[in-house]
PDB file of all heavy atoms in Angstrom:
ATOM      1  N   ARG A   1      -7.666   0.200   1.773  1.00  0.00           N
ATOM      2  CA  ARG A   1      -8.847   0.781   1.157  1.00  0.00           C
ATOM      3  C   ARG A   1     -10.053  -0.110   1.394  1.00  0.00           C
ATOM      4  O   ARG A   1      -9.927  -1.319   1.581  1.00  0.00           O
ATOM      5  CB  ARG A   1      -8.645   1.019  -0.340  1.00  0.00           C
ATOM      6  CG  ARG A   1      -8.530  -0.239  -1.178  1.00  0.00           C
ATOM      7  CD  ARG A   1      -8.204   0.120  -2.622  1.00  0.00           C
ATOM      8  NE  ARG A   1      -8.119  -1.052  -3.478  1.00  0.00           N
ATOM      9  CZ  ARG A   1      -7.696  -1.025  -4.738  1.00  0.00           C
ATOM     10  NH1 ARG A   1      -7.312   0.126  -5.290  1.00  0.00           N
ATOM     11  NH2 ARG A   1      -7.653  -2.153  -5.446  1.00  0.00           N
ATOM     12  N   GLN A   2     -11.212   0.518   1.360  1.00  0.00           N
ATOM     13  CA  GLN A   2     -12.448  -0.209   1.537  1.00  0.00           C
ATOM     14  C   GLN A   2     -13.533   0.422   0.678  1.00  0.00           C
ATOM     15  O   GLN A   2     -13.805   1.611   0.789  1.00  0.00           O
ATOM     16  CB  GLN A   2     -12.887  -0.223   3.000  1.00  0.00           C
ATOM     17  CG  GLN A   2     -14.082  -1.116   3.265  1.00  0.00           C
ATOM     18  CD  GLN A   2     -14.341  -1.314   4.741  1.00  0.00           C
ATOM     19  OE1 GLN A   2     -14.038  -0.452   5.558  1.00  0.00           O
ATOM     20  NE2 GLN A   2     -14.903  -2.458   5.087  1.00  0.00           N
ATOM     21  N   ALA A   3     -14.124  -0.380  -0.169  1.00  0.00           N
ATOM     22  CA  ALA A   3     -15.260   0.035  -0.973  1.00  0.00           C
ATOM     23  C   ALA A   3     -16.542  -0.424  -0.291  1.00  0.00           C
ATOM     24  O   ALA A   3     -16.524  -1.379   0.491  1.00  0.00           O
ATOM     25  CB  ALA A   3     -15.158  -0.550  -2.381  1.00  0.00           C
ATOM     26  N   PRO A   4     -17.663   0.233  -0.571  1.00  0.00           N
ATOM     27  CA  PRO A   4     -18.920  -0.161   0.066  1.00  0.00           C
ATOM     28  C   PRO A   4     -19.230  -1.637  -0.140  1.00  0.00           C
ATOM     29  O   PRO A   4     -19.153  -2.152  -1.257  1.00  0.00           O
ATOM     30  CB  PRO A   4     -19.954   0.723  -0.628  1.00  0.00           C
ATOM     31  CG  PRO A   4     -19.190   1.923  -1.056  1.00  0.00           C
ATOM     32  CD  PRO A   4     -17.835   1.407  -1.440  1.00  0.00           C
ATOM     33  N   GLY A   5     -19.570  -2.311   0.939  1.00  0.00           N
ATOM     34  CA  GLY A   5     -19.907  -3.716   0.875  1.00  0.00           C
ATOM     35  C   GLY A   5     -18.733  -4.650   0.704  1.00  0.00           C
ATOM     36  O   GLY A   5     -18.936  -5.857   0.552  1.00  0.00           O
ATOM     37  N   LYS A   6     -17.529  -4.122   0.728  1.00  0.00           N
ATOM     38  CA  LYS A   6     -16.338  -4.931   0.521  1.00  0.00           C
ATOM     39  C   LYS A   6     -15.478  -4.962   1.774  1.00  0.00           C
ATOM     40  O   LYS A   6     -15.591  -4.108   2.646  1.00  0.00           O
ATOM     41  CB  LYS A   6     -15.514  -4.387  -0.650  1.00  0.00           C
ATOM     42  CG  LYS A   6     -16.266  -4.271  -1.958  1.00  0.00           C
ATOM     43  CD  LYS A   6     -16.635  -5.634  -2.510  1.00  0.00           C
ATOM     44  CE  LYS A   6     -17.284  -5.492  -3.877  1.00  0.00           C
ATOM     45  NZ  LYS A   6     -17.665  -6.809  -4.440  1.00  0.00           N
ATOM     46  N   GLN A   7     -14.624  -5.939   1.831  1.00  0.00           N
ATOM     47  CA  GLN A   7     -13.665  -6.037   2.914  1.00  0.00           C
ATOM     48  C   GLN A   7     -12.576  -4.981   2.749  1.00  0.00           C
ATOM     49  O   GLN A   7     -12.202  -4.622   1.633  1.00  0.00           O
ATOM     50  CB  GLN A   7     -13.016  -7.420   2.921  1.00  0.00           C
ATOM     51  CG  GLN A   7     -13.926  -8.547   3.368  1.00  0.00           C
ATOM     52  CD  GLN A   7     -13.766  -8.855   4.827  1.00  0.00           C
ATOM     53  OE1 GLN A   7     -14.350  -8.172   5.680  1.00  0.00           O
ATOM     54  NE2 GLN A   7     -12.976  -9.864   5.135  1.00  0.00           N
ATOM     55  N   ARG A   8     -12.085  -4.495   3.852  1.00  0.00           N
ATOM     56  CA  ARG A   8     -10.935  -3.626   3.808  1.00  0.00           C
ATOM     57  C   ARG A   8      -9.713  -4.441   3.381  1.00  0.00           C
ATOM     58  O   ARG A   8      -9.498  -5.559   3.852  1.00  0.00           O
ATOM     59  CB  ARG A   8     -10.710  -2.986   5.171  1.00  0.00           C
ATOM     60  CG  ARG A   8      -9.563  -2.010   5.240  1.00  0.00           C
ATOM     61  CD  ARG A   8      -9.562  -1.312   6.593  1.00  0.00           C
ATOM     62  NE  ARG A   8     -10.613  -0.299   6.666  1.00  0.00           N
ATOM     63  CZ  ARG A   8     -11.157   0.118   7.805  1.00  0.00           C
ATOM     64  NH1 ARG A   8     -10.781  -0.402   8.954  1.00  0.00           N
ATOM     65  NH2 ARG A   8     -12.087   1.056   7.775  1.00  0.00           N
ATOM     66  N   GLU A   9      -8.930  -3.885   2.485  1.00  0.00           N
ATOM     67  CA  GLU A   9      -7.784  -4.600   1.962  1.00  0.00           C
ATOM     68  C   GLU A   9      -6.527  -3.751   2.024  1.00  0.00           C
ATOM     69  O   GLU A   9      -6.579  -2.527   1.927  1.00  0.00           O
ATOM     70  CB  GLU A   9      -8.032  -5.048   0.514  1.00  0.00           C
ATOM     71  CG  GLU A   9      -8.205  -3.901  -0.468  1.00  0.00           C
ATOM     72  CD  GLU A   9      -8.319  -4.361  -1.912  1.00  0.00           C
ATOM     73  OE1 GLU A   9      -7.841  -5.463  -2.241  1.00  0.00           O
ATOM     74  OE2 GLU A   9      -8.900  -3.605  -2.721  1.00  0.00           O
ATOM     75  N   LEU A  10      -5.425  -4.414   2.151  1.00  0.00           N
ATOM     76  CA  LEU A  10      -4.128  -3.751   2.122  1.00  0.00           C
ATOM     77  C   LEU A  10      -3.766  -3.403   0.687  1.00  0.00           C
ATOM     78  O   LEU A  10      -3.816  -4.249  -0.198  1.00  0.00           O
ATOM     79  CB  LEU A  10      -3.064  -4.655   2.727  1.00  0.00           C
ATOM     80  CG  LEU A  10      -1.633  -4.125   2.708  1.00  0.00           C
ATOM     81  CD1 LEU A  10      -1.495  -2.920   3.637  1.00  0.00           C
ATOM     82  CD2 LEU A  10      -0.652  -5.220   3.110  1.00  0.00           C
ATOM     83  N   VAL A  11      -3.403  -2.157   0.471  1.00  0.00           N
ATOM     84  CA  VAL A  11      -2.993  -1.683  -0.843  1.00  0.00           C
ATOM     85  C   VAL A  11      -1.474  -1.673  -0.976  1.00  0.00           C
ATOM     86  O   VAL A  11      -0.924  -2.129  -1.981  1.00  0.00           O
ATOM     87  CB  VAL A  11      -3.556  -0.274  -1.111  1.00  0.00           C
ATOM     88  CG1 VAL A  11      -3.039   0.277  -2.435  1.00  0.00           C
ATOM     89  CG2 VAL A  11      -5.077  -0.307  -1.098  1.00  0.00           C
ATOM     90  N   ALA A  12      -0.819  -1.126   0.016  1.00  0.00           N
ATOM     91  CA  ALA A  12       0.630  -0.991  -0.021  1.00  0.00           C
ATOM     92  C   ALA A  12       1.155  -0.902   1.392  1.00  0.00           C
ATOM     93  O   ALA A  12       0.461  -0.437   2.300  1.00  0.00           O
ATOM     94  CB  ALA A  12       1.047   0.245  -0.826  1.00  0.00           C
ATOM     95  N   ARG A  13       2.383  -1.326   1.571  1.00  0.00           N
ATOM     96  CA  ARG A  13       3.012  -1.254   2.875  1.00  0.00           C
ATOM     97  C   ARG A  13       4.462  -0.823   2.714  1.00  0.00           C
ATOM     98  O   ARG A  13       5.098  -1.113   1.690  1.00  0.00           O
ATOM     99  CB  ARG A  13       2.930  -2.596   3.601  1.00  0.00           C
ATOM    100  CG  ARG A  13       3.620  -3.735   2.869  1.00  0.00           C
ATOM    101  CD  ARG A  13       3.274  -5.089   3.488  1.00  0.00           C
ATOM    102  NE  ARG A  13       3.869  -5.258   4.802  1.00  0.00           N
ATOM    103  CZ  ARG A  13       5.064  -5.787   5.026  1.00  0.00           C
ATOM    104  NH1 ARG A  13       5.810  -6.213   4.011  1.00  0.00           N
ATOM    105  NH2 ARG A  13       5.510  -5.905   6.271  1.00  0.00           N
ATOM    106  N   ILE A  14       4.965  -0.159   3.720  1.00  0.00           N
ATOM    107  CA  ILE A  14       6.358   0.238   3.738  1.00  0.00           C
ATOM    108  C   ILE A  14       6.918  -0.038   5.120  1.00  0.00           C
ATOM    109  O   ILE A  14       6.382   0.402   6.132  1.00  0.00           O
ATOM    110  CB  ILE A  14       6.544   1.714   3.318  1.00  0.00           C
ATOM    111  CG1 ILE A  14       8.032   2.073   3.270  1.00  0.00           C
ATOM    112  CG2 ILE A  14       5.767   2.663   4.220  1.00  0.00           C
ATOM    113  CD1 ILE A  14       8.308   3.376   2.534  1.00  0.00           C
ATOM    114  N   ILE A  15       7.984  -0.793   5.142  1.00  0.00           N
ATOM    115  CA  ILE A  15       8.657  -1.132   6.384  1.00  0.00           C
ATOM    116  C   ILE A  15       9.546   0.041   6.785  1.00  0.00           C
ATOM    117  O   ILE A  15       9.925   0.863   5.952  1.00  0.00           O
ATOM    118  CB  ILE A  15       9.451  -2.437   6.196  1.00  0.00           C
ATOM    119  CG1 ILE A  15       8.511  -3.582   5.826  1.00  0.00           C
ATOM    120  CG2 ILE A  15      10.239  -2.799   7.440  1.00  0.00           C
ATOM    121  CD1 ILE A  15       9.219  -4.861   5.421  1.00  0.00           C
ATOM    122  N   GLY A  16       9.867   0.107   8.065  1.00  0.00           N
ATOM    123  CA  GLY A  16      10.704   1.195   8.540  1.00  0.00           C
ATOM    124  C   GLY A  16      11.995   1.354   7.768  1.00  0.00           C
ATOM    125  O   GLY A  16      12.470   2.475   7.548  1.00  0.00           O
ATOM    126  N   GLY A  17      12.569   0.246   7.331  1.00  0.00           N
ATOM    127  CA  GLY A  17      13.790   0.292   6.562  1.00  0.00           C
ATOM    128  C   GLY A  17      13.610   0.664   5.107  1.00  0.00           C
ATOM    129  O   GLY A  17      14.602   0.781   4.388  1.00  0.00           O
ATOM    130  N   GLY A  18      12.375   0.825   4.655  1.00  0.00           N
ATOM    131  CA  GLY A  18      12.114   1.294   3.306  1.00  0.00           C
ATOM    132  C   GLY A  18      11.627   0.246   2.325  1.00  0.00           C
ATOM    133  O   GLY A  18      11.261   0.593   1.206  1.00  0.00           O
ATOM    134  N   ILE A  19      11.608  -1.004   2.716  1.00  0.00           N
ATOM    135  CA  ILE A  19      11.109  -2.045   1.832  1.00  0.00           C
ATOM    136  C   ILE A  19       9.606  -1.878   1.644  1.00  0.00           C
ATOM    137  O   ILE A  19       8.878  -1.617   2.607  1.00  0.00           O
ATOM    138  CB  ILE A  19      11.439  -3.431   2.387  1.00  0.00           C
ATOM    139  CG1 ILE A  19      12.955  -3.605   2.489  1.00  0.00           C
ATOM    140  CG2 ILE A  19      10.836  -4.526   1.523  1.00  0.00           C
ATOM    141  CD1 ILE A  19      13.380  -4.861   3.218  1.00  0.00           C
ATOM    142  N   THR A  20       9.153  -2.038   0.425  1.00  0.00           N
ATOM    143  CA  THR A  20       7.746  -1.846   0.104  1.00  0.00           C
ATOM    144  C   THR A  20       7.146  -3.103  -0.494  1.00  0.00           C
ATOM    145  O   THR A  20       7.838  -3.925  -1.099  1.00  0.00           O
ATOM    146  CB  THR A  20       7.545  -0.684  -0.879  1.00  0.00           C
ATOM    147  OG1 THR A  20       8.267  -0.949  -2.089  1.00  0.00           O
ATOM    148  CG2 THR A  20       8.042   0.620  -0.270  1.00  0.00           C
ATOM    149  N   ASN A  21       5.836  -3.237  -0.325  1.00  0.00           N
ATOM    150  CA  ASN A  21       5.074  -4.302  -0.948  1.00  0.00           C
ATOM    151  C   ASN A  21       3.733  -3.743  -1.378  1.00  0.00           C
ATOM    152  O   ASN A  21       3.211  -2.798  -0.773  1.00  0.00           O
ATOM    153  CB  ASN A  21       4.869  -5.474   0.008  1.00  0.00           C
ATOM    154  CG  ASN A  21       6.106  -6.308   0.181  1.00  0.00           C
ATOM    155  OD1 ASN A  21       6.462  -7.091  -0.687  1.00  0.00           O
ATOM    156  ND2 ASN A  21       6.780  -6.155   1.320  1.00  0.00           N
ATOM    157  N   TYR A  22       3.163  -4.352  -2.414  1.00  0.00           N
ATOM    158  CA  TYR A  22       1.927  -3.857  -2.996  1.00  0.00           C
ATOM    159  C   TYR A  22       0.977  -4.998  -3.279  1.00  0.00           C
ATOM    160  O   TYR A  22       1.392  -6.121  -3.580  1.00  0.00           O
ATOM    161  CB  TYR A  22       2.206  -3.111  -4.303  1.00  0.00           C
ATOM    162  CG  TYR A  22       3.110  -1.923  -4.122  1.00  0.00           C
ATOM    163  CD1 TYR A  22       4.485  -2.049  -4.253  1.00  0.00           C
ATOM    164  CD2 TYR A  22       2.594  -0.675  -3.794  1.00  0.00           C
ATOM    165  CE1 TYR A  22       5.324  -0.963  -4.065  1.00  0.00           C
ATOM    166  CE2 TYR A  22       3.423   0.413  -3.608  1.00  0.00           C
ATOM    167  CZ  TYR A  22       4.785   0.264  -3.741  1.00  0.00           C
ATOM    168  OH  TYR A  22       5.606   1.348  -3.556  1.00  0.00           O
ATOM    169  N   GLY A  23      -0.301  -4.677  -3.186  1.00  0.00           N
ATOM    170  CA  GLY A  23      -1.290  -5.622  -3.642  1.00  0.00           C
ATOM    171  C   GLY A  23      -1.169  -5.839  -5.137  1.00  0.00           C
ATOM    172  O   GLY A  23      -0.763  -4.945  -5.885  1.00  0.00           O
ATOM    173  N   ASP A  24      -1.528  -7.034  -5.567  1.00  0.00           N
ATOM    174  CA  ASP A  24      -1.371  -7.367  -6.980  1.00  0.00           C
ATOM    175  C   ASP A  24      -2.131  -6.413  -7.898  1.00  0.00           C
ATOM    176  O   ASP A  24      -1.682  -6.122  -9.008  1.00  0.00           O
ATOM    177  CB  ASP A  24      -1.836  -8.799  -7.236  1.00  0.00           C
ATOM    178  CG  ASP A  24      -0.887  -9.834  -6.666  1.00  0.00           C
ATOM    179  OD1 ASP A  24       0.285  -9.496  -6.401  1.00  0.00           O
ATOM    180  OD2 ASP A  24      -1.313 -10.990  -6.493  1.00  0.00           O
ATOM    181  N   SER A  25      -3.268  -5.931  -7.455  1.00  0.00           N
ATOM    182  CA  SER A  25      -4.092  -5.094  -8.304  1.00  0.00           C
ATOM    183  C   SER A  25      -3.529  -3.692  -8.509  1.00  0.00           C
ATOM    184  O   SER A  25      -3.961  -2.986  -9.426  1.00  0.00           O
ATOM    185  CB  SER A  25      -5.515  -4.995  -7.743  1.00  0.00           C
ATOM    186  OG  SER A  25      -5.516  -4.350  -6.483  1.00  0.00           O
ATOM    187  N   VAL A  26      -2.579  -3.274  -7.691  1.00  0.00           N
ATOM    188  CA  VAL A  26      -2.034  -1.921  -7.796  1.00  0.00           C
ATOM    189  C   VAL A  26      -0.547  -1.902  -8.086  1.00  0.00           C
ATOM    190  O   VAL A  26       0.019  -0.822  -8.303  1.00  0.00           O
ATOM    191  CB  VAL A  26      -2.323  -1.094  -6.526  1.00  0.00           C
ATOM    192  CG1 VAL A  26      -3.804  -1.120  -6.190  1.00  0.00           C
ATOM    193  CG2 VAL A  26      -1.494  -1.593  -5.349  1.00  0.00           C
ATOM    194  N   LYS A  27       0.064  -3.045  -8.094  1.00  0.00           N
ATOM    195  CA  LYS A  27       1.499  -3.112  -8.330  1.00  0.00           C
ATOM    196  C   LYS A  27       1.849  -2.463  -9.666  1.00  0.00           C
ATOM    197  O   LYS A  27       1.173  -2.672 -10.660  1.00  0.00           O
ATOM    198  CB  LYS A  27       1.969  -4.560  -8.291  1.00  0.00           C
ATOM    199  CG  LYS A  27       3.471  -4.722  -8.176  1.00  0.00           C
ATOM    200  CD  LYS A  27       3.836  -6.171  -7.906  1.00  0.00           C
ATOM    201  CE  LYS A  27       5.314  -6.331  -7.633  1.00  0.00           C
ATOM    202  NZ  LYS A  27       5.662  -7.735  -7.314  1.00  0.00           N
ATOM    203  N   ASP A  28       2.901  -1.690  -9.680  1.00  0.00           N
ATOM    204  CA  ASP A  28       3.400  -0.953 -10.842  1.00  0.00           C
ATOM    205  C   ASP A  28       2.581   0.293 -11.161  1.00  0.00           C
ATOM    206  O   ASP A  28       2.910   1.022 -12.103  1.00  0.00           O
ATOM    207  CB  ASP A  28       3.497  -1.830 -12.090  1.00  0.00           C
ATOM    208  CG  ASP A  28       4.438  -3.006 -11.916  1.00  0.00           C
ATOM    209  OD1 ASP A  28       5.480  -2.841 -11.248  1.00  0.00           O
ATOM    210  OD2 ASP A  28       4.134  -4.089 -12.443  1.00  0.00           O
ATOM    211  N   ARG A  29       1.528   0.541 -10.392  1.00  0.00           N
ATOM    212  CA  ARG A  29       0.759   1.766 -10.562  1.00  0.00           C
ATOM    213  C   ARG A  29       0.838   2.684  -9.352  1.00  0.00           C
ATOM    214  O   ARG A  29       0.784   3.903  -9.499  1.00  0.00           O
ATOM    215  CB  ARG A  29      -0.711   1.444 -10.842  1.00  0.00           C
ATOM    216  CG  ARG A  29      -0.934   0.657 -12.120  1.00  0.00           C
ATOM    217  CD  ARG A  29      -2.421   0.579 -12.464  1.00  0.00           C
ATOM    218  NE  ARG A  29      -3.176  -0.156 -11.451  1.00  0.00           N
ATOM    219  CZ  ARG A  29      -4.162   0.356 -10.726  1.00  0.00           C
ATOM    220  NH1 ARG A  29      -4.533   1.623 -10.889  1.00  0.00           N
ATOM    221  NH2 ARG A  29      -4.806  -0.399  -9.842  1.00  0.00           N
ATOM    222  N   PHE A  30       0.930   2.107  -8.169  1.00  0.00           N
ATOM    223  CA  PHE A  30       0.980   2.880  -6.936  1.00  0.00           C
ATOM    224  C   PHE A  30       2.375   2.810  -6.341  1.00  0.00           C
ATOM    225  O   PHE A  30       3.115   1.843  -6.542  1.00  0.00           O
ATOM    226  CB  PHE A  30      -0.008   2.336  -5.907  1.00  0.00           C
ATOM    227  CG  PHE A  30      -1.462   2.517  -6.253  1.00  0.00           C
ATOM    228  CD1 PHE A  30      -1.871   2.993  -7.487  1.00  0.00           C
ATOM    229  CD2 PHE A  30      -2.424   2.199  -5.308  1.00  0.00           C
ATOM    230  CE1 PHE A  30      -3.218   3.148  -7.785  1.00  0.00           C
ATOM    231  CE2 PHE A  30      -3.772   2.354  -5.595  1.00  0.00           C
ATOM    232  CZ  PHE A  30      -4.168   2.821  -6.827  1.00  0.00           C
ATOM    233  N   ALA A  31       2.723   3.835  -5.577  1.00  0.00           N
ATOM    234  CA  ALA A  31       4.005   3.857  -4.885  1.00  0.00           C
ATOM    235  C   ALA A  31       3.828   4.479  -3.509  1.00  0.00           C
ATOM    236  O   ALA A  31       3.311   5.589  -3.390  1.00  0.00           O
ATOM    237  CB  ALA A  31       5.043   4.626  -5.690  1.00  0.00           C
ATOM    238  N   ILE A  32       4.247   3.757  -2.502  1.00  0.00           N
ATOM    239  CA  ILE A  32       4.194   4.253  -1.139  1.00  0.00           C
ATOM    240  C   ILE A  32       5.561   4.797  -0.749  1.00  0.00           C
ATOM    241  O   ILE A  32       6.594   4.248  -1.140  1.00  0.00           O
ATOM    242  CB  ILE A  32       3.724   3.150  -0.167  1.00  0.00           C
ATOM    243  CG1 ILE A  32       3.484   3.709   1.232  1.00  0.00           C
ATOM    244  CG2 ILE A  32       4.696   1.983  -0.150  1.00  0.00           C
ATOM    245  CD1 ILE A  32       2.809   2.713   2.174  1.00  0.00           C
ATOM    246  N   SER A  33       5.559   5.881   0.000  1.00  0.00           N
ATOM    247  CA  SER A  33       6.800   6.474   0.462  1.00  0.00           C
ATOM    248  C   SER A  33       6.545   7.150   1.799  1.00  0.00           C
ATOM    249  O   SER A  33       5.402   7.290   2.225  1.00  0.00           O
ATOM    250  CB  SER A  33       7.360   7.469  -0.560  1.00  0.00           C
ATOM    251  OG  SER A  33       6.456   8.537  -0.774  1.00  0.00           O
ATOM    252  N   ARG A  34       7.606   7.576   2.441  1.00  0.00           N
ATOM    253  CA  ARG A  34       7.458   8.237   3.732  1.00  0.00           C
ATOM    254  C   ARG A  34       8.480   9.337   3.891  1.00  0.00           C
ATOM    255  O   ARG A  34       9.587   9.274   3.360  1.00  0.00           O
ATOM    256  CB  ARG A  34       7.564   7.218   4.877  1.00  0.00           C
ATOM    257  CG  ARG A  34       8.908   6.516   4.981  1.00  0.00           C
ATOM    258  CD  ARG A  34       8.808   5.250   5.826  1.00  0.00           C
ATOM    259  NE  ARG A  34       8.358   5.524   7.181  1.00  0.00           N
ATOM    260  CZ  ARG A  34       7.911   4.598   8.024  1.00  0.00           C
ATOM    261  NH1 ARG A  34       7.841   3.324   7.639  1.00  0.00           N
ATOM    262  NH2 ARG A  34       7.525   4.942   9.241  1.00  0.00           N
ATOM    263  N   ASP A  35       8.098  10.357   4.632  1.00  0.00           N
ATOM    264  CA  ASP A  35       8.969  11.460   4.981  1.00  0.00           C
ATOM    265  C   ASP A  35       8.966  11.531   6.503  1.00  0.00           C
ATOM    266  O   ASP A  35       8.039  12.065   7.108  1.00  0.00           O
ATOM    267  CB  ASP A  35       8.485  12.768   4.363  1.00  0.00           C
ATOM    268  CG  ASP A  35       9.430  13.922   4.607  1.00  0.00           C
ATOM    269  OD1 ASP A  35      10.201  13.887   5.579  1.00  0.00           O
ATOM    270  OD2 ASP A  35       9.397  14.881   3.815  1.00  0.00           O
ATOM    271  N   ASN A  36       9.987  10.992   7.108  1.00  0.00           N
ATOM    272  CA  ASN A  36      10.005  10.890   8.560  1.00  0.00           C
ATOM    273  C   ASN A  36      10.094  12.256   9.240  1.00  0.00           C
ATOM    274  O   ASN A  36       9.596  12.426  10.350  1.00  0.00           O
ATOM    275  CB  ASN A  36      11.165  10.004   9.002  1.00  0.00           C
ATOM    276  CG  ASN A  36      10.974   8.565   8.583  1.00  0.00           C
ATOM    277  OD1 ASN A  36       9.855   8.074   8.487  1.00  0.00           O
ATOM    278  ND2 ASN A  36      12.075   7.864   8.329  1.00  0.00           N
ATOM    279  N   ALA A  37      10.728  13.218   8.588  1.00  0.00           N
ATOM    280  CA  ALA A  37      10.821  14.557   9.160  1.00  0.00           C
ATOM    281  C   ALA A  37       9.453  15.204   9.294  1.00  0.00           C
ATOM    282  O   ALA A  37       9.246  16.051  10.169  1.00  0.00           O
ATOM    283  CB  ALA A  37      11.739  15.435   8.316  1.00  0.00           C
TER     284      ALA A  37
END
């Protein structure tokens, strides 16, 4: 995500195997997922 005048930052990531990581500011509020089909 990127807000005006701010650096673009990573919010969440998901590895191919399904492991996820979140930025501290969104952890426990956001969830990343994928549907490969």
